[in-house]
Amino acid sequence: MTLISLILALALEQLRPLGNRNRVWLLFTRYANHLERNLNAGAERHGVLAWLAAIVPAIALSLLVFYSLKAVSPLLALAFNVLILYLTMGFRHFSSAFSEISLALAEGRDLDARVALANWTGQPTAELSVEEISRLAIEQGVVDSYRHVFGTMFWFVLLPGPSGALLYRLCSMLNQKWGIRGATDDLFGLFAARAAAWLDWLPVRLTAAAFAVMGDLEDAVYCWRSQARTWGNYANGILLASAAGALGVRLGDPLRQDYSVKYRPELGLGDEADPSYLRSAVGLVWRSALLWLAVVLLISVASHMG
């Protein structure tokens, strides 16, 4: 059921992609805002209570529905799995942006590419060159592919029913809302950031390993070991360094933004980024996703035979 659920959800998402601002996630966002308004008194324990109030009821409800449907018919439980995966996964969230930027650059529409990249990343792009646009798009795509595909897939496979996929997605959303502020003096978001880091620790490394296996293994491992820690966010550094080495492209490096130069460490080896590497990056993510599906298949066969 696990493998079939993943395949059906990926196929459905390709046929009819679901945007980030759908009603389900907007409803959860409003609920999270309500919890923050009523529970945030400036202490870390208040953030823990709010996180539990946001996560535990949703996970408990998903398990209750899943096992109730499974008792009636396994097909109903399968359909529920596919529905939750459809809501929580999003290959098209980054591949469509990749395609739009790649096509604009190929047709010489640099301004359109900058606008699409700004809408996607939320960063200023007016001063970026074609090489910088390509570099930033690959970086955002690699991180988004992990958030919307690999992280969700890992926890879906590990935990019963659709609870793992829902847990990872909701934790990621709370980290985006509360956890980033936890890096400052706002203690409310500290637990959300820690929970997200715990959930990311193993799947980040497995995703980077998949990039290495499906690309240039030697360079990917070298970049991972020697460059990942130079990046501000170590988890993202692992993903980006491995992907850059696997693709044979240089990421990181300075960017021209807001009429100044934003200095960043170098990631990867080889050529400067150009529009052709955007297509290569999408191919790397697809090959890595297929590798994960193959591993899930092997685990399912072994479990069935055992």
C-alpha atoms as a PDB file:
ATOM      1  CA  MET A   1       0.000   0.000   0.000  1.00  0.00           C
ATOM      2  CA  THR A   2       2.865   2.407   0.762  1.00  0.00           C
ATOM      3  CA  LEU A   3       4.471   2.226  -2.675  1.00  0.00           C
ATOM      4  CA  ILE A   4       1.141   2.349  -4.520  1.00  0.00           C
ATOM      5  CA  SER A   5       0.110   5.390  -2.474  1.00  0.00           C
ATOM      6  CA  LEU A   6       3.321   7.217  -3.375  1.00  0.00           C
ATOM      7  CA  ILE A   7       3.054   6.430  -7.088  1.00  0.00           C
ATOM      8  CA  LEU A   8      -0.613   7.441  -7.291  1.00  0.00           C
ATOM      9  CA  ALA A   9      -0.019  10.660  -5.347  1.00  0.00           C
ATOM     10  CA  LEU A  10       2.938  11.651  -7.563  1.00  0.00           C
ATOM     11  CA  ALA A  11       0.923  10.897 -10.695  1.00  0.00           C
ATOM     12  CA  LEU A  12      -2.076  12.873  -9.423  1.00  0.00           C
ATOM     13  CA  GLU A  13       0.114  15.796  -8.476  1.00  0.00           C
ATOM     14  CA  GLN A  14       1.642  15.845 -11.957  1.00  0.00           C
ATOM     15  CA  LEU A  15      -1.807  15.842 -13.585  1.00  0.00           C
ATOM     16  CA  ARG A  16      -3.371  18.393 -11.262  1.00  0.00           C
ATOM     17  CA  PRO A  17      -0.807  20.220  -9.121  1.00  0.00           C
ATOM     18  CA  LEU A  18      -2.030  21.728  -5.887  1.00  0.00           C
ATOM     19  CA  GLY A  19      -0.840  25.199  -4.979  1.00  0.00           C
ATOM     20  CA  ASN A  20       0.655  26.184  -1.650  1.00  0.00           C
ATOM     21  CA  ARG A  21      -2.228  28.531  -0.926  1.00  0.00           C
ATOM     22  CA  ASN A  22      -4.983  25.938  -0.978  1.00  0.00           C
ATOM     23  CA  ARG A  23      -7.842  26.031   1.506  1.00  0.00           C
ATOM     24  CA  VAL A  24      -6.545  23.215   3.706  1.00  0.00           C
ATOM     25  CA  TRP A  25      -3.211  24.882   4.421  1.00  0.00           C
ATOM     26  CA  LEU A  26      -4.791  28.317   4.738  1.00  0.00           C
ATOM     27  CA  LEU A  27      -7.084  26.858   7.402  1.00  0.00           C
ATOM     28  CA  PHE A  28      -4.123  25.374   9.267  1.00  0.00           C
ATOM     29  CA  THR A  29      -2.256  28.686   8.989  1.00  0.00           C
ATOM     30  CA  ARG A  30      -5.181  30.496  10.573  1.00  0.00           C
ATOM     31  CA  TYR A  31      -5.281  27.916  13.353  1.00  0.00           C
ATOM     32  CA  ALA A  32      -1.533  28.351  13.964  1.00  0.00           C
ATOM     33  CA  ASN A  33      -1.993  32.132  14.092  1.00  0.00           C
ATOM     34  CA  HIS A  34      -4.815  31.654  16.615  1.00  0.00           C
ATOM     35  CA  LEU A  35      -2.587  29.463  18.799  1.00  0.00           C
ATOM     36  CA  GLU A  36       0.212  32.007  18.689  1.00  0.00           C
ATOM     37  CA  ARG A  37      -2.048  34.894  19.645  1.00  0.00           C
ATOM     38  CA  ASN A  38      -3.444  33.009  22.624  1.00  0.00           C
ATOM     39  CA  LEU A  39      -0.414  31.056  23.856  1.00  0.00           C
ATOM     40  CA  ASN A  40       2.652  33.162  23.049  1.00  0.00           C
ATOM     41  CA  ALA A  41       3.694  34.744  26.342  1.00  0.00           C
ATOM     42  CA  GLY A  42       7.379  34.871  25.418  1.00  0.00           C
ATOM     43  CA  ALA A  43       8.571  31.607  26.977  1.00  0.00           C
ATOM     44  CA  GLU A  44       9.800  28.460  25.256  1.00  0.00           C
ATOM     45  CA  ARG A  45       7.263  26.242  27.060  1.00  0.00           C
ATOM     46  CA  HIS A  46       4.457  28.233  25.463  1.00  0.00           C
ATOM     47  CA  GLY A  47       5.895  27.352  22.060  1.00  0.00           C
ATOM     48  CA  VAL A  48       5.971  23.672  23.044  1.00  0.00           C
ATOM     49  CA  LEU A  49       2.304  23.783  24.086  1.00  0.00           C
ATOM     50  CA  ALA A  50       1.309  25.555  20.875  1.00  0.00           C
ATOM     51  CA  TRP A  51       3.288  23.055  18.752  1.00  0.00           C
ATOM     52  CA  LEU A  52       1.603  20.111  20.469  1.00  0.00           C
ATOM     53  CA  ALA A  53      -1.828  21.717  20.116  1.00  0.00           C
ATOM     54  CA  ALA A  54      -1.214  22.202  16.406  1.00  0.00           C
ATOM     55  CA  ILE A  55       0.305  18.796  15.636  1.00  0.00           C
ATOM     56  CA  VAL A  56      -1.156  16.145  17.957  1.00  0.00           C
ATOM     57  CA  PRO A  57      -4.883  16.530  17.103  1.00  0.00           C
ATOM     58  CA  ALA A  58      -4.163  16.424  13.352  1.00  0.00           C
ATOM     59  CA  ILE A  59      -1.994  13.298  13.635  1.00  0.00           C
ATOM     60  CA  ALA A  60      -4.455  11.551  15.948  1.00  0.00           C
ATOM     61  CA  LEU A  61      -7.357  12.352  13.624  1.00  0.00           C
ATOM     62  CA  SER A  62      -5.467  11.089  10.562  1.00  0.00           C
ATOM     63  CA  LEU A  63      -4.697   7.780  12.272  1.00  0.00           C
ATOM     64  CA  LEU A  64      -8.277   7.404  13.492  1.00  0.00           C
ATOM     65  CA  VAL A  65      -9.655   7.976   9.987  1.00  0.00           C
ATOM     66  CA  PHE A  66      -7.045   5.716   8.367  1.00  0.00           C
ATOM     67  CA  TYR A  67      -7.640   2.715  10.630  1.00  0.00           C
ATOM     68  CA  SER A  68     -11.419   3.205  10.529  1.00  0.00           C
ATOM     69  CA  LEU A  69     -11.353   3.173   6.727  1.00  0.00           C
ATOM     70  CA  LYS A  70      -8.964   0.220   6.681  1.00  0.00           C
ATOM     71  CA  ALA A  71     -11.388  -1.779   8.826  1.00  0.00           C
ATOM     72  CA  VAL A  72     -14.076  -1.154   6.205  1.00  0.00           C
ATOM     73  CA  SER A  73     -11.934  -1.605   3.081  1.00  0.00           C
ATOM     74  CA  PRO A  74      -8.187  -1.421   2.321  1.00  0.00           C
ATOM     75  CA  LEU A  75      -9.053   0.528  -0.848  1.00  0.00           C
ATOM     76  CA  LEU A  76     -10.617   3.297   1.233  1.00  0.00           C
ATOM     77  CA  ALA A  77      -7.472   3.452   3.388  1.00  0.00           C
ATOM     78  CA  LEU A  78      -5.375   3.600   0.206  1.00  0.00           C
ATOM     79  CA  ALA A  79      -7.486   6.467  -1.122  1.00  0.00           C
ATOM     80  CA  PHE A  80      -7.041   8.340   2.169  1.00  0.00           C
ATOM     81  CA  ASN A  81      -3.269   7.841   1.976  1.00  0.00           C
ATOM     82  CA  VAL A  82      -3.240   9.223  -1.562  1.00  0.00           C
ATOM     83  CA  LEU A  83      -5.330  12.215  -0.509  1.00  0.00           C
ATOM     84  CA  ILE A  84      -3.005  13.148   2.365  1.00  0.00           C
ATOM     85  CA  LEU A  85       0.081  12.655   0.180  1.00  0.00           C
ATOM     86  CA  TYR A  86      -1.513  14.807  -2.525  1.00  0.00           C
ATOM     87  CA  LEU A  87      -1.975  17.555   0.042  1.00  0.00           C
ATOM     88  CA  THR A  88       1.496  17.234   1.577  1.00  0.00           C
ATOM     89  CA  MET A  89       3.786  16.439  -1.391  1.00  0.00           C
ATOM     90  CA  GLY A  90       4.518  18.823  -4.246  1.00  0.00           C
ATOM     91  CA  PHE A  91       6.965  17.888  -6.993  1.00  0.00           C
ATOM     92  CA  ARG A  92       5.391  20.507  -9.225  1.00  0.00           C
ATOM     93  CA  HIS A  93       5.913  23.204  -6.590  1.00  0.00           C
ATOM     94  CA  PHE A  94       9.491  23.568  -7.806  1.00  0.00           C
ATOM     95  CA  SER A  95       9.547  21.848 -11.220  1.00  0.00           C
ATOM     96  CA  SER A  96       6.994  24.269 -12.686  1.00  0.00           C
ATOM     97  CA  ALA A  97       9.033  27.252 -11.469  1.00  0.00           C
ATOM     98  CA  PHE A  98      12.152  25.603 -12.890  1.00  0.00           C
ATOM     99  CA  SER A  99      10.451  25.167 -16.256  1.00  0.00           C
ATOM    100  CA  GLU A 100       9.190  28.753 -16.350  1.00  0.00           C
ATOM    101  CA  ILE A 101      12.621  30.206 -15.553  1.00  0.00           C
ATOM    102  CA  SER A 102      14.452  27.821 -17.892  1.00  0.00           C
ATOM    103  CA  LEU A 103      12.124  28.637 -20.816  1.00  0.00           C
ATOM    104  CA  ALA A 104      12.399  32.382 -20.205  1.00  0.00           C
ATOM    105  CA  LEU A 105      16.202  32.234 -20.176  1.00  0.00           C
ATOM    106  CA  ALA A 106      16.297  30.032 -23.290  1.00  0.00           C
ATOM    107  CA  GLU A 107      14.178  32.596 -25.145  1.00  0.00           C
ATOM    108  CA  GLY A 108      16.289  35.522 -23.931  1.00  0.00           C
ATOM    109  CA  ARG A 109      13.534  36.875 -21.656  1.00  0.00           C
ATOM    110  CA  ASP A 110      15.844  37.641 -18.744  1.00  0.00           C
ATOM    111  CA  LEU A 111      13.374  40.066 -17.148  1.00  0.00           C
ATOM    112  CA  ASP A 112      10.629  37.426 -17.076  1.00  0.00           C
ATOM    113  CA  ALA A 113      13.084  34.963 -15.547  1.00  0.00           C
ATOM    114  CA  ARG A 114      13.967  37.479 -12.818  1.00  0.00           C
ATOM    115  CA  VAL A 115      10.300  38.115 -12.041  1.00  0.00           C
ATOM    116  CA  ALA A 116       9.538  34.376 -11.860  1.00  0.00           C
ATOM    117  CA  LEU A 117      12.544  33.799  -9.605  1.00  0.00           C
ATOM    118  CA  ALA A 118      11.550  36.689  -7.317  1.00  0.00           C
ATOM    119  CA  ASN A 119       7.995  35.326  -7.018  1.00  0.00           C
ATOM    120  CA  TRP A 120       9.368  31.890  -6.201  1.00  0.00           C
ATOM    121  CA  THR A 121      12.138  32.731  -3.748  1.00  0.00           C
ATOM    122  CA  GLY A 122      10.956  36.044  -2.331  1.00  0.00           C
ATOM    123  CA  GLN A 123      14.434  37.510  -2.929  1.00  0.00           C
ATOM    124  CA  PRO A 124      15.396  40.634  -4.910  1.00  0.00           C
ATOM    125  CA  THR A 125      16.493  39.628  -8.404  1.00  0.00           C
ATOM    126  CA  ALA A 126      16.612  42.847 -10.449  1.00  0.00           C
ATOM    127  CA  GLU A 127      20.428  42.923 -10.595  1.00  0.00           C
ATOM    128  CA  LEU A 128      21.100  39.225 -11.159  1.00  0.00           C
ATOM    129  CA  SER A 129      22.916  38.016 -14.261  1.00  0.00           C
ATOM    130  CA  VAL A 130      21.824  34.930 -16.200  1.00  0.00           C
ATOM    131  CA  GLU A 131      24.438  32.871 -14.352  1.00  0.00           C
ATOM    132  CA  GLU A 132      23.221  34.163 -10.983  1.00  0.00           C
ATOM    133  CA  ILE A 133      19.581  33.496 -11.898  1.00  0.00           C
ATOM    134  CA  SER A 134      20.473  29.915 -12.836  1.00  0.00           C
ATOM    135  CA  ARG A 135      22.499  29.424  -9.674  1.00  0.00           C
ATOM    136  CA  LEU A 136      19.812  30.739  -7.329  1.00  0.00           C
ATOM    137  CA  ALA A 137      17.086  28.763  -9.120  1.00  0.00           C
ATOM    138  CA  ILE A 138      19.013  25.505  -8.738  1.00  0.00           C
ATOM    139  CA  GLU A 139      19.622  26.192  -5.051  1.00  0.00           C
ATOM    140  CA  GLN A 140      15.957  26.942  -4.378  1.00  0.00           C
ATOM    141  CA  GLY A 141      14.879  23.938  -6.414  1.00  0.00           C
ATOM    142  CA  VAL A 142      17.122  21.519  -4.529  1.00  0.00           C
ATOM    143  CA  VAL A 143      15.889  22.743  -1.137  1.00  0.00           C
ATOM    144  CA  ASP A 144      12.242  22.766  -2.251  1.00  0.00           C
ATOM    145  CA  SER A 145      12.521  19.267  -3.717  1.00  0.00           C
ATOM    146  CA  TYR A 146      13.660  18.034  -0.329  1.00  0.00           C
ATOM    147  CA  ARG A 147      10.916  19.833   1.576  1.00  0.00           C
ATOM    148  CA  HIS A 148       8.080  18.847  -0.736  1.00  0.00           C
ATOM    149  CA  VAL A 149       9.179  15.386  -1.887  1.00  0.00           C
ATOM    150  CA  PHE A 150      11.943  13.569  -0.033  1.00  0.00           C
ATOM    151  CA  GLY A 151      11.287  14.682   3.544  1.00  0.00           C
ATOM    152  CA  THR A 152       7.575  13.944   3.200  1.00  0.00           C
ATOM    153  CA  MET A 153       8.244  10.603   1.486  1.00  0.00           C
ATOM    154  CA  PHE A 154      10.661   9.472   4.204  1.00  0.00           C
ATOM    155  CA  TRP A 155       8.283  10.059   7.098  1.00  0.00           C
ATOM    156  CA  PHE A 156       5.315   8.648   5.188  1.00  0.00           C
ATOM    157  CA  VAL A 157       7.196   5.382   4.727  1.00  0.00           C
ATOM    158  CA  LEU A 158       8.428   5.297   8.328  1.00  0.00           C
ATOM    159  CA  LEU A 159       5.216   6.000  10.268  1.00  0.00           C
ATOM    160  CA  PRO A 160       1.821   4.242  10.039  1.00  0.00           C
ATOM    161  CA  GLY A 161      -0.827   5.410   7.618  1.00  0.00           C
ATOM    162  CA  PRO A 162      -0.476   8.983   6.372  1.00  0.00           C
ATOM    163  CA  SER A 163       0.624  10.283   9.781  1.00  0.00           C
ATOM    164  CA  GLY A 164       4.286  10.654   8.829  1.00  0.00           C
ATOM    165  CA  ALA A 165       3.590  12.777   5.755  1.00  0.00           C
ATOM    166  CA  LEU A 166       1.196  14.967   7.718  1.00  0.00           C
ATOM    167  CA  LEU A 167       3.616  15.279  10.632  1.00  0.00           C
ATOM    168  CA  TYR A 168       6.466  16.402   8.401  1.00  0.00           C
ATOM    169  CA  ARG A 169       4.385  18.883   6.428  1.00  0.00           C
ATOM    170  CA  LEU A 170       2.830  20.498   9.487  1.00  0.00           C
ATOM    171  CA  CYS A 171       6.182  20.681  11.292  1.00  0.00           C
ATOM    172  CA  SER A 172       7.738  22.356   8.258  1.00  0.00           C
ATOM    173  CA  MET A 173       4.957  24.928   8.153  1.00  0.00           C
ATOM    174  CA  LEU A 174       5.289  25.706  11.867  1.00  0.00           C
ATOM    175  CA  ASN A 175       9.041  26.015  11.464  1.00  0.00           C
ATOM    176  CA  GLN A 176       8.518  28.537   8.669  1.00  0.00           C
ATOM    177  CA  LYS A 177       6.085  30.512  10.829  1.00  0.00           C
ATOM    178  CA  TRP A 178       7.649  30.229  14.293  1.00  0.00           C
ATOM    179  CA  GLY A 179      11.035  28.541  14.057  1.00  0.00           C
ATOM    180  CA  ILE A 180      12.786  31.233  12.045  1.00  0.00           C
ATOM    181  CA  ARG A 181      11.968  33.758  14.763  1.00  0.00           C
ATOM    182  CA  GLY A 182      13.402  31.332  17.312  1.00  0.00           C
ATOM    183  CA  ALA A 183      16.856  32.216  16.004  1.00  0.00           C
ATOM    184  CA  THR A 184      16.366  35.696  17.502  1.00  0.00           C
ATOM    185  CA  ASP A 185      15.191  36.628  20.982  1.00  0.00           C
ATOM    186  CA  ASP A 186      11.710  35.147  20.453  1.00  0.00           C
ATOM    187  CA  LEU A 187      11.757  31.934  22.490  1.00  0.00           C
ATOM    188  CA  PHE A 188       8.302  30.900  21.290  1.00  0.00           C
ATOM    189  CA  GLY A 189       9.648  29.397  18.065  1.00  0.00           C
ATOM    190  CA  LEU A 190      12.620  27.493  19.506  1.00  0.00           C
ATOM    191  CA  PHE A 191      10.841  24.166  19.839  1.00  0.00           C
ATOM    192  CA  ALA A 192       9.355  24.382  16.336  1.00  0.00           C
ATOM    193  CA  ALA A 193      12.874  24.880  14.959  1.00  0.00           C
ATOM    194  CA  ARG A 194      14.287  22.008  17.014  1.00  0.00           C
ATOM    195  CA  ALA A 195      11.482  19.649  16.019  1.00  0.00           C
ATOM    196  CA  ALA A 196      12.027  20.431  12.347  1.00  0.00           C
ATOM    197  CA  ALA A 197      15.771  19.861  12.743  1.00  0.00           C
ATOM    198  CA  TRP A 198      15.162  16.468  14.397  1.00  0.00           C
ATOM    199  CA  LEU A 199      12.821  15.401  11.615  1.00  0.00           C
ATOM    200  CA  ASP A 200      15.289  16.565   8.964  1.00  0.00           C
ATOM    201  CA  TRP A 201      18.452  14.979  10.333  1.00  0.00           C
ATOM    202  CA  LEU A 202      18.258  11.554   8.667  1.00  0.00           C
ATOM    203  CA  PRO A 203      16.213  12.273   5.499  1.00  0.00           C
ATOM    204  CA  VAL A 204      18.483  15.199   4.582  1.00  0.00           C
ATOM    205  CA  ARG A 205      21.475  12.867   4.567  1.00  0.00           C
ATOM    206  CA  LEU A 206      19.628  10.127   2.691  1.00  0.00           C
ATOM    207  CA  THR A 207      18.537  12.668   0.071  1.00  0.00           C
ATOM    208  CA  ALA A 208      22.102  13.931  -0.323  1.00  0.00           C
ATOM    209  CA  ALA A 209      23.283  10.324  -0.671  1.00  0.00           C
ATOM    210  CA  ALA A 210      20.675   9.751  -3.402  1.00  0.00           C
ATOM    211  CA  PHE A 211      21.937  12.845  -5.257  1.00  0.00           C
ATOM    212  CA  ALA A 212      25.462  11.471  -5.017  1.00  0.00           C
ATOM    213  CA  VAL A 213      24.501   8.005  -6.282  1.00  0.00           C
ATOM    214  CA  MET A 214      22.490   9.383  -9.195  1.00  0.00           C
ATOM    215  CA  GLY A 215      25.139  11.934 -10.191  1.00  0.00           C
ATOM    216  CA  ASP A 216      28.901  12.284  -9.880  1.00  0.00           C
ATOM    217  CA  LEU A 217      29.453  10.224  -6.725  1.00  0.00           C
ATOM    218  CA  GLU A 218      33.063  11.191  -6.038  1.00  0.00           C
ATOM    219  CA  ASP A 219      32.570  14.949  -6.415  1.00  0.00           C
ATOM    220  CA  ALA A 220      29.279  14.884  -4.503  1.00  0.00           C
ATOM    221  CA  VAL A 221      30.871  13.144  -1.508  1.00  0.00           C
ATOM    222  CA  TYR A 222      33.879  15.466  -1.597  1.00  0.00           C
ATOM    223  CA  CYS A 223      31.713  18.614  -1.678  1.00  0.00           C
ATOM    224  CA  TRP A 224      29.449  17.267   1.046  1.00  0.00           C
ATOM    225  CA  ARG A 225      32.371  16.583   3.379  1.00  0.00           C
ATOM    226  CA  SER A 226      34.386  19.726   2.651  1.00  0.00           C
ATOM    227  CA  GLN A 227      31.811  22.447   1.910  1.00  0.00           C
ATOM    228  CA  ALA A 228      28.495  21.717   3.636  1.00  0.00           C
ATOM    229  CA  ARG A 229      29.498  23.225   6.990  1.00  0.00           C
ATOM    230  CA  THR A 230      30.453  26.532   5.373  1.00  0.00           C
ATOM    231  CA  TRP A 231      26.803  27.173   4.518  1.00  0.00           C
ATOM    232  CA  GLY A 232      24.741  29.062   7.078  1.00  0.00           C
ATOM    233  CA  ASN A 233      22.093  26.360   7.358  1.00  0.00           C
ATOM    234  CA  TYR A 234      23.984  23.075   7.715  1.00  0.00           C
ATOM    235  CA  ALA A 235      21.083  20.882   6.543  1.00  0.00           C
ATOM    236  CA  ASN A 236      20.664  22.973   3.402  1.00  0.00           C
ATOM    237  CA  GLY A 237      24.430  22.985   3.007  1.00  0.00           C
ATOM    238  CA  ILE A 238      24.453  19.174   2.890  1.00  0.00           C
ATOM    239  CA  LEU A 239      21.767  19.134   0.200  1.00  0.00           C
ATOM    240  CA  LEU A 240      23.288  21.910  -1.901  1.00  0.00           C
ATOM    241  CA  ALA A 241      26.884  20.718  -1.674  1.00  0.00           C
ATOM    242  CA  SER A 242      25.935  17.169  -2.616  1.00  0.00           C
ATOM    243  CA  ALA A 243      23.699  18.309  -5.489  1.00  0.00           C
ATOM    244  CA  ALA A 244      26.338  20.717  -6.791  1.00  0.00           C
ATOM    245  CA  GLY A 245      28.990  18.015  -6.761  1.00  0.00           C
ATOM    246  CA  ALA A 246      26.618  15.513  -8.374  1.00  0.00           C
ATOM    247  CA  LEU A 247      25.774  17.981 -11.160  1.00  0.00           C
ATOM    248  CA  GLY A 248      29.325  19.255 -11.666  1.00  0.00           C
ATOM    249  CA  VAL A 249      28.258  22.875 -11.210  1.00  0.00           C
ATOM    250  CA  ARG A 250      29.273  25.709  -8.893  1.00  0.00           C
ATOM    251  CA  LEU A 251      26.611  27.039  -6.551  1.00  0.00           C
ATOM    252  CA  GLY A 252      26.857  29.482  -3.677  1.00  0.00           C
ATOM    253  CA  ASP A 253      29.292  32.325  -4.435  1.00  0.00           C
ATOM    254  CA  PRO A 254      28.445  36.057  -4.221  1.00  0.00           C
ATOM    255  CA  LEU A 255      25.172  37.505  -5.539  1.00  0.00           C
ATOM    256  CA  ARG A 256      24.394  41.081  -6.525  1.00  0.00           C
ATOM    257  CA  GLN A 257      21.293  42.081  -4.596  1.00  0.00           C
ATOM    258  CA  ASP A 258      19.930  45.382  -3.255  1.00  0.00           C
ATOM    259  CA  TYR A 259      22.753  47.341  -4.895  1.00  0.00           C
ATOM    260  CA  SER A 260      25.382  45.466  -2.944  1.00  0.00           C
ATOM    261  CA  VAL A 261      27.224  42.155  -3.083  1.00  0.00           C
ATOM    262  CA  LYS A 262      25.906  39.349  -0.885  1.00  0.00           C
ATOM    263  CA  TYR A 263      28.892  37.161  -0.070  1.00  0.00           C
ATOM    264  CA  ARG A 264      28.255  33.431   0.228  1.00  0.00           C
ATOM    265  CA  PRO A 265      30.609  30.429   0.403  1.00  0.00           C
ATOM    266  CA  GLU A 266      31.345  28.382  -2.689  1.00  0.00           C
ATOM    267  CA  LEU A 267      29.573  25.066  -3.155  1.00  0.00           C
ATOM    268  CA  GLY A 268      30.341  22.471  -5.795  1.00  0.00           C
ATOM    269  CA  LEU A 269      33.012  22.030  -8.430  1.00  0.00           C
ATOM    270  CA  GLY A 270      33.226  22.496 -12.174  1.00  0.00           C
ATOM    271  CA  ASP A 271      31.343  24.883 -14.446  1.00  0.00           C
ATOM    272  CA  GLU A 272      29.440  28.043 -13.724  1.00  0.00           C
ATOM    273  CA  ALA A 273      25.673  27.624 -13.640  1.00  0.00           C
ATOM    274  CA  ASP A 274      23.722  28.267 -16.840  1.00  0.00           C
ATOM    275  CA  PRO A 275      20.141  27.489 -17.994  1.00  0.00           C
ATOM    276  CA  SER A 276      21.105  23.986 -19.132  1.00  0.00           C
ATOM    277  CA  TYR A 277      21.896  23.041 -15.542  1.00  0.00           C
ATOM    278  CA  LEU A 278      18.301  23.785 -14.534  1.00  0.00           C
ATOM    279  CA  ARG A 279      17.154  20.862 -16.670  1.00  0.00           C
ATOM    280  CA  SER A 280      19.987  18.741 -15.267  1.00  0.00           C
ATOM    281  CA  ALA A 281      18.874  19.569 -11.720  1.00  0.00           C
ATOM    282  CA  VAL A 282      15.283  18.497 -12.437  1.00  0.00           C
ATOM    283  CA  GLY A 283      16.628  15.261 -13.917  1.00  0.00           C
ATOM    284  CA  LEU A 284      18.755  14.643 -10.826  1.00  0.00           C
ATOM    285  CA  VAL A 285      15.746  15.101  -8.535  1.00  0.00           C
ATOM    286  CA  TRP A 286      13.591  12.772 -10.648  1.00  0.00           C
ATOM    287  CA  ARG A 287      16.272  10.070 -10.735  1.00  0.00           C
ATOM    288  CA  SER A 288      16.720  10.360  -6.970  1.00  0.00           C
ATOM    289  CA  ALA A 289      12.946  10.101  -6.415  1.00  0.00           C
ATOM    290  CA  LEU A 290      12.836   6.964  -8.579  1.00  0.00           C
ATOM    291  CA  LEU A 291      15.730   5.543  -6.573  1.00  0.00           C
ATOM    292  CA  TRP A 292      13.771   6.102  -3.363  1.00  0.00           C
ATOM    293  CA  LEU A 293      10.720   4.411  -4.887  1.00  0.00           C
ATOM    294  CA  ALA A 294      12.889   1.449  -5.881  1.00  0.00           C
ATOM    295  CA  VAL A 295      14.186   1.171  -2.317  1.00  0.00           C
ATOM    296  CA  VAL A 296      10.625   1.313  -0.973  1.00  0.00           C
ATOM    297  CA  LEU A 297       9.702  -1.473  -3.407  1.00  0.00           C
ATOM    298  CA  LEU A 298      12.576  -3.644  -2.189  1.00  0.00           C
ATOM    299  CA  ILE A 299      11.631  -3.050   1.438  1.00  0.00           C
ATOM    300  CA  SER A 300       7.998  -3.890   0.688  1.00  0.00           C
ATOM    301  CA  VAL A 301       8.949  -7.118  -1.119  1.00  0.00           C
ATOM    302  CA  ALA A 302      11.296  -8.150   1.684  1.00  0.00           C
ATOM    303  CA  SER A 303       8.649  -7.415   4.314  1.00  0.00           C
ATOM    304  CA  HIS A 304       6.029  -9.397   2.376  1.00  0.00           C
ATOM    305  CA  MET A 305       8.342 -12.364   1.904  1.00  0.00           C
ATOM    306  CA  GLY A 306       9.324 -12.275   5.571  1.00  0.00           C
END
